[in-house]
Protein backbone atom coordinates (compact mmCIF):
# COMPACT_ATOMS: atom_id res chain seq x y z
CA MET A 1 205.40 -30.52 82.85
CA GLU A 2 204.25 -27.68 80.60
CA LYS A 3 200.75 -26.43 81.17
CA ASN A 4 199.64 -26.86 77.56
CA LYS A 5 201.30 -30.27 77.14
CA GLN A 6 198.97 -33.24 76.60
CA SER A 7 199.32 -35.56 79.59
CA ILE A 8 200.25 -39.24 79.25
CA ILE A 9 197.70 -41.41 81.07
CA LEU A 10 197.99 -45.11 81.99
CA ILE A 11 194.80 -47.20 82.27
CA VAL A 12 195.04 -50.45 84.28
CA ASP A 13 191.94 -52.66 83.98
CA ASN A 14 191.52 -56.38 83.27
CA ASP A 15 188.13 -55.80 81.61
CA PRO A 16 188.80 -55.09 77.90
CA VAL A 17 185.44 -53.32 77.42
CA SER A 18 186.05 -50.90 80.32
CA ARG A 19 189.62 -50.38 79.16
CA GLU A 20 188.61 -49.56 75.58
CA THR A 21 185.83 -47.23 76.77
CA LEU A 22 188.29 -45.21 78.85
CA GLU A 23 190.86 -45.21 76.05
CA GLY A 24 188.30 -43.79 73.61
CA LEU A 25 187.17 -41.09 76.05
CA LEU A 26 190.69 -39.89 76.93
CA SER A 27 192.03 -40.13 73.37
CA ALA A 28 189.16 -37.90 72.22
CA LEU A 29 190.43 -35.29 74.71
CA GLY A 30 193.86 -35.42 73.05
CA HIS A 31 195.72 -37.37 75.75
CA PRO A 32 198.23 -40.08 74.77
CA VAL A 33 196.92 -43.27 76.43
CA LEU A 34 198.79 -46.41 77.54
CA SER A 35 196.99 -49.48 78.86
CA ALA A 36 197.70 -52.61 80.89
CA SER A 37 195.47 -55.56 81.82
CA TYR A 38 197.37 -56.69 84.94
CA GLY A 39 199.61 -55.26 87.66
CA GLU A 40 203.09 -56.39 86.62
CA GLN A 41 202.50 -55.13 83.08
CA ALA A 42 201.46 -51.75 84.50
CA LEU A 43 204.60 -51.54 86.67
CA GLU A 44 206.80 -52.30 83.66
CA ILE A 45 205.10 -49.59 81.56
CA ALA A 46 205.50 -47.07 84.39
CA GLU A 47 209.19 -47.92 84.80
CA ASN A 48 209.88 -47.32 81.10
CA GLY A 49 207.75 -44.18 80.65
CA ASN A 50 206.96 -40.77 82.11
CA LEU A 51 203.35 -40.90 83.24
CA ASP A 52 201.26 -37.90 84.24
CA LEU A 53 198.24 -39.82 85.60
CA ILE A 54 197.26 -43.42 86.41
CA ILE A 55 193.69 -44.76 86.38
CA LEU A 56 193.40 -48.28 87.81
CA ASP A 57 190.75 -50.82 88.70
CA VAL A 58 190.85 -52.74 91.97
CA ALA A 59 190.04 -56.15 90.46
CA LEU A 60 193.19 -57.38 88.66
CA SER A 61 194.34 -60.92 87.94
CA ASP A 62 197.78 -60.90 89.63
CA MET A 63 197.26 -58.39 92.48
CA ASP A 64 194.50 -56.09 93.65
CA GLY A 65 194.49 -52.40 92.77
CA PHE A 66 195.30 -51.36 96.35
CA GLU A 67 198.53 -53.37 96.31
CA LEU A 68 199.41 -51.98 92.87
CA CYS A 69 198.76 -48.44 94.15
CA ARG A 70 201.15 -49.06 97.08
CA ARG A 71 203.83 -50.33 94.69
CA PHE A 72 203.40 -47.28 92.47
CA ARG A 73 203.92 -45.09 95.54
CA THR A 74 207.20 -46.82 96.44
CA ALA A 75 208.57 -46.63 92.87
CA LYS A 76 210.81 -43.62 92.18
CA LYS A 77 209.18 -42.66 88.87
CA THR A 78 205.55 -42.83 90.09
CA ARG A 79 205.76 -41.89 93.78
CA LEU A 80 204.23 -38.45 93.02
CA THR A 81 202.08 -39.39 89.99
CA PRO A 82 198.33 -38.79 90.59
CA ILE A 83 196.33 -42.04 90.85
CA ILE A 84 192.56 -42.50 90.46
CA ILE A 85 191.05 -45.80 91.58
CA VAL A 86 187.95 -46.66 89.53
CA THR A 87 186.03 -49.65 90.89
CA ALA A 88 182.62 -51.21 91.46
CA LEU A 89 183.42 -51.25 95.19
CA ASN A 90 181.81 -48.22 96.81
CA ASP A 91 181.82 -49.04 100.51
CA LYS A 92 183.57 -46.86 103.09
CA SER A 93 186.26 -49.44 103.95
CA SER A 94 187.32 -49.72 100.27
CA ARG A 95 187.69 -45.95 100.05
CA ILE A 96 189.80 -45.91 103.21
CA ARG A 97 191.99 -48.72 101.82
CA GLY A 98 192.45 -46.71 98.62
CA ILE A 99 193.43 -43.55 100.50
CA THR A 100 195.77 -45.55 102.75
CA ALA A 101 197.39 -47.13 99.68
CA GLY A 102 198.11 -43.63 98.35
CA CYS A 103 195.48 -42.91 95.70
CA ASP A 104 194.53 -39.28 95.03
CA ASP A 105 190.89 -39.88 94.08
CA PHE A 106 188.29 -42.64 94.17
CA LEU A 107 185.52 -43.10 91.58
CA SER A 108 182.79 -45.75 91.70
CA LYS A 109 181.45 -47.66 88.70
CA PRO A 110 179.34 -46.88 86.84
CA PHE A 111 180.76 -43.37 86.64
CA ASP A 112 179.64 -40.30 84.76
CA ASN A 113 182.02 -39.43 81.91
CA LEU A 114 181.86 -35.70 82.63
CA GLU A 115 182.65 -36.30 86.31
CA LEU A 116 185.69 -38.40 85.37
CA VAL A 117 186.94 -35.76 82.92
CA LEU A 118 186.57 -33.01 85.55
CA ARG A 119 188.40 -35.05 88.19
CA ILE A 120 191.21 -35.87 85.77
CA GLY A 121 191.52 -32.17 84.86
CA SER A 122 191.60 -31.16 88.52
CA LEU A 123 194.31 -33.70 89.41
CA LEU A 124 196.46 -32.77 86.41
CA LYS A 125 196.22 -29.08 87.29
CA MET A 126 197.21 -29.79 90.90
CA GLN A 127 200.11 -31.92 89.68
CA TYR A 128 201.24 -29.13 87.37
CA TYR A 129 201.30 -26.61 90.22
CA ARG A 130 203.12 -29.11 92.44
CA ASP A 131 205.73 -29.71 89.72
CA GLN A 132 206.19 -25.96 89.34
CA LEU A 133 206.68 -25.58 93.08
CA ASN A 134 209.21 -28.44 93.15
CA GLU A 135 211.12 -26.92 90.23
CA LYS A 136 211.06 -23.51 91.93
CA GLU A 137 212.46 -25.00 95.14
CA LYS A 138 215.19 -26.83 93.23
CA PHE A 139 216.05 -23.67 91.31
CA GLU A 140 216.21 -21.56 94.47
CA LEU A 141 218.45 -24.17 96.12
CA ALA A 142 220.76 -24.18 93.07
CA MET A 143 220.88 -20.37 93.10
CA LYS A 144 221.70 -20.29 96.80
CA HIS A 145 224.72 -22.58 96.46
CA ALA A 146 225.96 -21.36 93.06
CA SER A 147 229.41 -19.80 92.84
CA GLU A 148 228.17 -17.41 90.13
CA ALA A 149 226.07 -14.31 90.72
CA MET A 150 222.42 -14.87 89.72
CA ILE A 151 219.53 -12.40 89.48
CA ILE A 152 215.87 -12.75 88.44
CA THR A 153 213.79 -9.77 87.28
CA ASP A 154 210.23 -9.27 86.12
CA GLN A 155 209.44 -8.32 82.52
CA TYR A 156 210.13 -4.64 83.30
CA GLY A 157 213.60 -5.30 84.72
CA LYS A 158 212.59 -4.88 88.37
CA ILE A 159 214.84 -7.04 90.56
CA GLU A 160 212.85 -9.78 92.31
CA GLN A 161 215.28 -12.46 93.42
CA TRP A 162 219.05 -12.92 93.78
CA ASN A 163 221.66 -15.03 95.51
CA GLU A 164 224.31 -14.03 98.05
CA VAL A 165 227.07 -13.72 95.43
CA ALA A 166 224.99 -11.18 93.47
CA ASP A 167 224.24 -9.23 96.65
CA GLN A 168 227.96 -8.94 97.42
CA LEU A 169 228.60 -7.48 93.96
CA PHE A 170 225.64 -5.12 93.65
CA SER A 171 224.32 -4.56 97.23
CA LEU A 172 220.91 -5.74 96.02
CA LYS A 173 219.20 -5.59 99.42
CA LYS A 174 219.37 -1.81 99.02
CA GLN A 175 218.24 -1.94 95.38
CA VAL A 176 214.80 -3.57 95.62
CA GLN A 177 212.30 -2.20 93.07
CA LYS A 178 215.14 -0.74 90.97
CA ASN A 179 215.75 -1.58 87.31
CA LEU A 180 218.54 -4.10 86.83
CA PHE A 181 220.43 -2.08 84.20
CA ASP A 182 220.31 1.03 86.41
CA VAL A 183 221.97 -0.98 89.19
CA PHE A 184 224.64 -2.22 86.79
CA LYS A 185 225.47 1.29 85.64
CA GLU A 186 225.70 2.51 89.23
CA TYR A 187 228.63 0.18 89.92
CA PHE A 188 230.08 -0.79 86.53
CA ASN A 189 230.73 0.23 82.96
CA MET A 190 228.47 -1.87 80.74
CA GLU A 191 229.55 -3.06 77.28
CA PRO A 192 227.67 -2.96 75.04
CA GLU A 193 225.43 -0.36 76.63
CA MET A 194 221.80 -1.51 76.69
CA ASP A 195 218.51 0.12 77.58
CA TRP A 196 215.66 -1.97 78.97
CA ASN A 197 213.13 -0.40 76.61
CA THR A 198 215.14 -1.37 73.53
CA LEU A 199 216.14 -4.93 74.39
CA PRO A 200 216.64 -7.08 71.27
CA TYR A 201 214.30 -9.97 70.66
CA SER A 202 216.99 -12.64 70.41
CA PHE A 203 218.14 -14.31 73.63
CA PRO A 204 220.38 -15.11 75.38
CA LEU A 205 222.07 -11.71 75.53
CA THR A 206 225.73 -11.45 76.47
CA PHE A 207 227.48 -8.40 77.89
CA GLN A 208 230.41 -7.37 80.05
CA LEU A 209 230.53 -5.33 83.25
CA GLN A 210 233.80 -3.67 84.25
CA ARG A 211 234.81 -1.79 87.40
CA SER A 212 238.18 -0.05 87.33
CA GLU A 213 240.88 -0.67 89.89
CA SER A 214 240.53 1.54 92.97
CA LYS A 215 241.43 1.75 96.65
CA GLN A 216 238.56 -0.67 97.28
CA GLY A 217 240.15 -3.41 95.19
CA GLU A 218 241.50 -4.69 91.90
CA GLU A 219 239.83 -4.26 88.55
CA LEU A 220 236.70 -6.43 88.36
CA ILE A 221 235.34 -7.78 85.07
CA LEU A 222 232.13 -9.82 84.88
CA PHE A 223 230.83 -11.73 81.88
CA GLY A 224 227.02 -11.67 81.93
CA LYS A 225 224.39 -13.74 80.16
CA MET A 226 220.66 -12.95 80.18
CA PHE A 227 217.90 -15.48 79.44
CA LEU A 228 214.18 -15.02 78.84
CA MET A 229 212.11 -17.19 81.20
CA SER A 230 208.62 -17.84 82.58
CA LEU A 231 208.30 -16.75 86.19
CA SER A 232 205.06 -18.44 87.21
CA VAL A 233 202.31 -20.86 86.30
CA ASN A 234 200.57 -17.94 84.59
CA GLN A 235 203.48 -17.85 82.13
CA GLU A 236 204.49 -14.30 83.10
CA LYS A 237 207.68 -13.26 81.34
CA GLY A 238 210.83 -12.43 83.26
CA TYR A 239 214.60 -12.58 82.94
CA PHE A 240 217.33 -14.68 84.49
CA VAL A 241 220.84 -13.19 84.53
CA ALA A 242 224.03 -15.04 85.50
CA PHE A 243 227.51 -13.58 85.91
CA ARG A 244 230.94 -15.14 85.79
CA ASP A 245 233.98 -13.33 87.20
CA VAL A 246 236.60 -13.33 84.43
CA SER A 247 238.90 -10.75 86.06
CA ARG A 248 241.65 -13.20 86.96
CA LYS A 249 241.61 -14.84 83.55
CA ILE A 250 241.85 -11.48 81.77
CA ARG A 251 244.64 -10.28 84.08
CA GLU A 252 246.58 -13.46 83.35
CA GLU A 253 246.05 -12.99 79.61
CA LYS A 254 247.30 -9.40 79.86
CA ARG A 255 250.40 -10.44 81.79
CA LYS A 256 251.07 -13.18 79.28
CA ASP A 257 250.68 -10.76 76.36
CA GLN A 258 252.99 -8.26 78.08
CA PHE A 259 255.60 -10.99 78.58
CA ILE A 260 255.33 -12.14 74.96
CA HIS A 261 255.60 -8.52 73.81
CA LEU A 262 258.74 -7.95 75.89
CA ILE A 263 260.45 -11.18 74.78
CA SER A 264 259.50 -10.61 71.13
CA HIS A 265 260.92 -7.09 71.24
CA LYS A 266 264.22 -8.41 72.66
CA PHE A 267 264.46 -11.17 70.06
CA ARG A 268 263.56 -8.83 67.20
CA SER A 269 266.34 -6.47 68.26
CA ALA A 270 268.79 -9.38 68.38
CA CYS A 271 267.62 -10.54 64.93
CA THR A 272 268.17 -7.05 63.52
CA ILE A 273 271.77 -7.04 64.76
CA PHE A 274 272.35 -10.59 63.49
CA MET A 275 270.90 -9.82 60.04
CA GLY A 276 272.97 -6.64 59.78
CA SER A 277 276.14 -8.51 60.73
CA LEU A 278 275.44 -11.22 58.14
CA SER A 279 274.92 -8.66 55.39
CA LEU A 280 278.09 -6.77 56.33
CA LEU A 281 280.17 -9.96 56.52
CA GLU A 282 278.82 -11.18 53.18
CA GLN A 283 279.62 -7.85 51.53
CA ILE A 284 283.20 -7.81 52.87
CA GLU A 285 283.89 -11.39 51.88
CA LEU A 286 282.36 -10.95 48.41
CA GLU A 287 284.59 -7.96 47.76
CA GLU A 288 287.65 -9.99 48.73
CA GLU A 289 286.33 -13.06 46.86
CA LYS A 290 287.16 -15.41 49.74
CA PHE A 291 283.83 -17.31 49.83
CA SER A 292 283.16 -20.51 47.94
CA GLN A 293 279.72 -21.13 46.43
CA ASP A 294 278.88 -23.55 49.28
CA THR A 295 279.72 -20.90 51.86
CA LEU A 296 277.61 -18.32 50.00
CA GLN A 297 274.69 -20.75 50.03
CA ILE A 298 275.03 -21.14 53.79
CA PHE A 299 274.95 -17.34 54.10
CA LYS A 300 271.78 -17.18 52.01
CA THR A 301 270.13 -19.85 54.17
CA LEU A 302 271.08 -17.98 57.34
CA GLN A 303 269.71 -14.74 55.92
CA ILE A 304 266.39 -16.31 54.89
CA GLY A 305 266.04 -18.00 58.29
CA SER A 306 266.84 -14.85 60.24
CA GLN A 307 264.42 -12.82 58.10
CA ARG A 308 261.66 -15.32 58.82
CA ILE A 309 262.38 -15.17 62.56
CA TYR A 310 262.35 -11.37 62.37
CA GLN A 311 258.98 -11.41 60.58
CA ILE A 312 257.53 -13.78 63.18
CA PHE A 313 258.55 -11.59 66.11
CA ASN A 314 257.40 -8.49 64.26
CA ARG A 315 253.98 -10.08 63.76
CA ILE A 316 253.79 -11.07 67.44
CA LEU A 317 254.53 -7.46 68.42
CA GLU A 318 251.75 -6.19 66.15
CA ILE A 319 249.31 -8.70 67.62
CA THR A 320 250.15 -7.98 71.26
CA GLU A 321 249.71 -4.25 70.61
CA ILE A 322 246.24 -4.91 69.23
CA LEU A 323 245.33 -7.25 72.09
CA SER A 324 246.48 -4.79 74.74
CA HIS A 325 244.46 -2.02 73.01
CA LYS A 326 247.52 0.21 72.82
CA GLU A 327 246.40 1.15 69.34
CA ASN A 328 242.83 2.35 68.98
CA ILE A 329 241.50 1.28 65.60
CA ARG A 330 239.84 4.21 63.85
CA PRO A 331 237.05 3.01 61.54
CA THR A 332 237.84 5.19 58.50
CA PRO A 333 235.66 4.46 55.42
CA ILE A 334 237.41 2.45 52.67
CA SER A 335 235.60 2.07 49.33
CA GLY A 336 235.24 -1.14 47.36
CA GLY A 337 237.52 0.26 44.66
CA GLU A 338 240.28 0.88 47.22
CA ILE A 339 239.81 -2.65 48.58
CA GLN A 340 240.26 -4.08 45.07
CA LYS A 341 243.58 -2.24 44.65
CA MET A 342 244.71 -3.43 48.09
CA VAL A 343 243.83 -7.07 47.32
CA ARG A 344 245.65 -7.02 43.96
CA SER A 345 248.78 -5.54 45.54
CA LEU A 346 248.81 -8.02 48.44
CA ALA A 347 248.13 -10.96 46.11
CA ALA A 348 251.07 -9.98 43.89
CA ASN A 349 253.40 -9.78 46.92
CA ILE A 350 252.29 -13.23 48.11
CA GLY A 351 252.65 -14.77 44.66
CA ILE A 352 248.96 -15.13 43.75
CA LYS A 353 248.30 -14.55 40.05
CA ASP A 354 245.83 -11.84 39.10
CA ASP A 355 243.61 -14.29 37.18
CA SER A 356 243.17 -16.31 40.40
CA ILE A 357 241.17 -13.42 41.89
CA ARG A 358 237.47 -13.15 41.04
CA TRP A 359 235.01 -10.36 41.85
CA GLU A 360 231.35 -11.33 42.20
CA ASN A 361 228.61 -8.98 43.41
CA PHE A 362 231.39 -6.59 44.42
CA SER A 363 230.36 -2.95 44.89
CA GLU A 364 233.21 -0.56 44.11
CA THR A 365 231.35 2.37 45.69
CA LEU A 366 230.22 0.74 48.94
CA ALA A 367 232.54 1.74 51.82
CA ILE A 368 233.35 -0.25 54.95
CA PRO A 369 234.49 1.34 58.24
CA MET A 370 238.04 0.07 58.78
CA GLU A 371 241.44 1.70 59.11
CA SER A 372 243.53 0.92 56.04
CA LYS A 373 246.52 -0.71 57.75
CA TYR A 374 244.31 -3.08 59.74
CA LEU A 375 242.22 -4.07 56.73
CA GLU A 376 245.48 -4.77 54.93
CA MET A 377 246.59 -6.94 57.86
CA ILE A 378 243.30 -8.87 57.76
CA LEU A 379 243.38 -9.39 53.99
CA MET A 380 247.02 -10.47 54.13
CA GLU A 381 246.19 -13.16 56.71
CA ILE A 382 243.24 -14.49 54.70
CA LEU A 383 245.02 -14.44 51.33
CA GLU A 384 248.14 -16.09 52.78
CA ASN A 385 245.98 -18.86 54.26
CA SER A 386 244.37 -19.49 50.88
CA PHE A 387 247.75 -19.51 49.16
CA LYS A 388 249.18 -21.98 51.70
CA TYR A 389 246.33 -24.47 51.66
CA CYS A 390 244.85 -24.28 48.14
CA PRO A 391 246.18 -25.96 44.97
CA LYS A 392 248.64 -23.50 43.38
CA GLU A 393 247.89 -24.57 39.80
CA ASN A 394 244.14 -23.96 40.15
CA LEU A 395 243.83 -21.41 42.95
CA LYS A 396 240.58 -19.42 42.88
CA ILE A 397 239.74 -16.70 45.40
CA THR A 398 236.34 -15.01 45.08
CA LEU A 399 235.52 -11.71 46.79
CA ALA A 400 232.10 -10.10 47.25
CA LEU A 401 231.20 -6.76 48.84
CA SER A 402 227.54 -5.94 49.39
CA ARG A 403 225.00 -4.66 51.87
CA ASN A 404 222.99 -7.18 53.89
CA MET A 405 220.16 -5.25 55.54
CA ALA A 406 221.84 -2.85 58.01
CA ARG A 407 225.26 -4.49 57.69
CA LYS A 408 228.00 -4.34 55.08
CA GLU A 409 229.65 -7.68 54.31
CA LEU A 410 232.98 -8.49 52.69
CA LYS A 411 233.12 -12.18 51.74
CA ILE A 412 236.28 -14.04 50.73
CA LYS A 413 235.97 -17.63 49.50
CA ASP A 414 238.65 -20.00 48.21
CA ASN A 415 238.59 -23.41 46.52
CA GLY A 416 240.83 -25.18 49.02
CA PRO A 417 240.37 -28.54 50.74
CA GLY A 418 237.96 -27.07 53.30
CA ILE A 419 237.78 -27.76 57.01
CA PRO A 420 235.70 -30.37 58.87
CA GLN A 421 232.76 -28.95 60.82
CA GLU A 422 234.21 -30.07 64.15
CA GLU A 423 237.38 -28.03 63.54
CA LEU A 424 235.67 -24.75 62.56
CA GLY A 425 235.19 -23.63 66.16
CA ARG A 426 238.96 -23.76 66.77
CA LEU A 427 239.90 -21.40 63.94
CA GLY A 428 239.49 -18.29 66.08
CA ASP A 429 241.81 -19.65 68.79
CA ARG A 430 245.43 -18.66 69.20
CA PHE A 431 248.23 -20.77 67.73
CA VAL A 432 245.90 -23.10 65.83
CA GLN A 433 246.80 -24.53 62.44
CA ILE A 434 244.38 -27.07 61.04
CA GLU A 435 246.31 -29.88 59.39
CA LYS A 436 245.28 -33.51 59.17
CA SER A 437 248.71 -34.38 60.49
CA PHE A 438 250.67 -31.38 61.74
CA SER A 439 254.15 -31.35 60.28
CA GLY A 440 255.37 -27.90 61.24
CA ASN A 441 256.10 -27.22 57.58
CA LEU A 442 253.39 -24.62 57.15
CA PRO A 443 254.65 -21.08 57.66
CA GLY A 444 252.89 -18.80 60.11
CA LEU A 445 251.98 -18.84 63.77
CA GLY A 446 248.40 -20.00 63.69
CA LEU A 447 247.43 -16.49 64.80
CA GLY A 448 245.87 -15.30 61.53
CA LEU A 449 242.15 -15.81 62.07
CA PHE A 450 242.51 -15.10 65.78
CA LEU A 451 243.92 -11.71 64.79
CA VAL A 452 241.05 -11.15 62.32
CA HIS A 453 238.52 -11.83 65.10
CA GLU A 454 240.28 -9.45 67.49
CA ILE A 455 240.45 -6.54 65.03
CA LEU A 456 236.80 -6.86 63.96
CA GLU A 457 235.66 -7.17 67.57
CA GLN A 458 237.36 -3.87 68.48
CA ILE A 459 235.26 -1.95 65.95
CA GLY A 460 232.01 -3.80 66.72
CA GLY A 461 232.17 -6.07 63.67
CA GLU A 462 231.82 -9.83 63.36
CA VAL A 463 233.61 -12.70 61.61
CA HIS A 464 231.69 -15.71 60.29
CA ILE A 465 233.46 -18.78 58.90
CA SER A 466 231.83 -21.56 56.92
CA SER A 467 233.43 -24.59 55.33
CA ALA A 468 233.18 -28.29 54.64
CA PRO A 469 235.67 -30.87 53.35
CA ASN A 470 236.44 -30.26 49.64
CA GLN A 471 234.15 -27.20 49.63
CA GLY A 472 236.71 -24.47 50.31
CA LEU A 473 236.63 -21.88 53.08
CA GLU A 474 234.40 -18.78 53.16
CA ILE A 475 235.12 -15.92 55.57
CA THR A 476 232.55 -13.16 56.01
CA LEU A 477 233.62 -9.87 57.58
CA ALA A 478 230.50 -8.05 58.78
CA PHE A 479 230.57 -4.32 59.54
CA ALA A 480 227.86 -2.22 61.19
């Protein structure tokens, strides 16, 4: 229960005048009020709601208030809910019966309104602290048995609490009173680098910690996520950080990429020999005029097929080189005017007519930081996608280049069929082609937008994709 949340209170009284008086008093204080005139009705309300306090009278038509109090205490949803018994009975034995039944307070009629309000406030505050303690105990138990490393700091980054997994990674028992980021940097390389005094305001934060392979063990890579949280009932700010070990997953991805790179290289070499042999054989046979037109057509089909296979393996090699970071992308400035020339040239090679390209809010002087060959690779992927999926007779591709606060944004939008919202998240995955019914007829590997994401990520940029059915696809490339 949040401290500033208005508490839901149930009034159980068979006297309508008393019930309405209490309802008016508590409603004026801002509390949502529920009411019941007999015991079974009260139990049903409690079962279907989340009550913060119950005020009940002893004299009810179907059971007395003591019995109802006992039943509340045995019910799962109300066993810890504060209960005040308000009654005309004020003898010692009635009070003892109320306490034995499980009530938290006992108030005799006629009561003073101020006294009732103060007692309600006191019980709600005690319940709030009890809830906080229960949540803290649950949280600490979850931390203790979690398979992930977990750390809690105060608002200044001083380490206050951790679990055993975190201690094994960072030796935290020796690091008490130290700043969390200082501990990270003592053991790991942190990407992106962050300073506690310049933390951004948006949470959660994500980052990666990496420790190189050494005599002590294999390379270790941790994916971290930091959340802003309240540490106490006084609403003091602190931070909760959780880590997931992604070392094995990344090693497997690297091995897979290395295998794909090796196989692709072998197949590309074989394709080169095959294509050369076809060309030589065709040339010899044409000179001797031994081929029929049907045979020549078969040769052409073989050549087109082998060229496509060669292009596929060549593209896979380019991608695996980028993924393995063998090539460091150098963010060299490219002006808007140069981008326009590049787009027109690529569009012509693909078969997109010049009048299908539109320039809106496009700055020819604004420069983006991207090496030319990689920008060309990105634009080729995006333009090819538009050409494949959009109507050829009415294809429209709109490009915009402008500054958005501290970032520079290159936007490319087409007028294609668009993509359902539920499919958008898959576009950055490998080997994904979004078709209503996949036929295998679309050229490409389904690696295009995955490749775009990877290239932008390596230079600290971002890719944003928006679309809806029949609304086209818009891709925004954001550069720092």
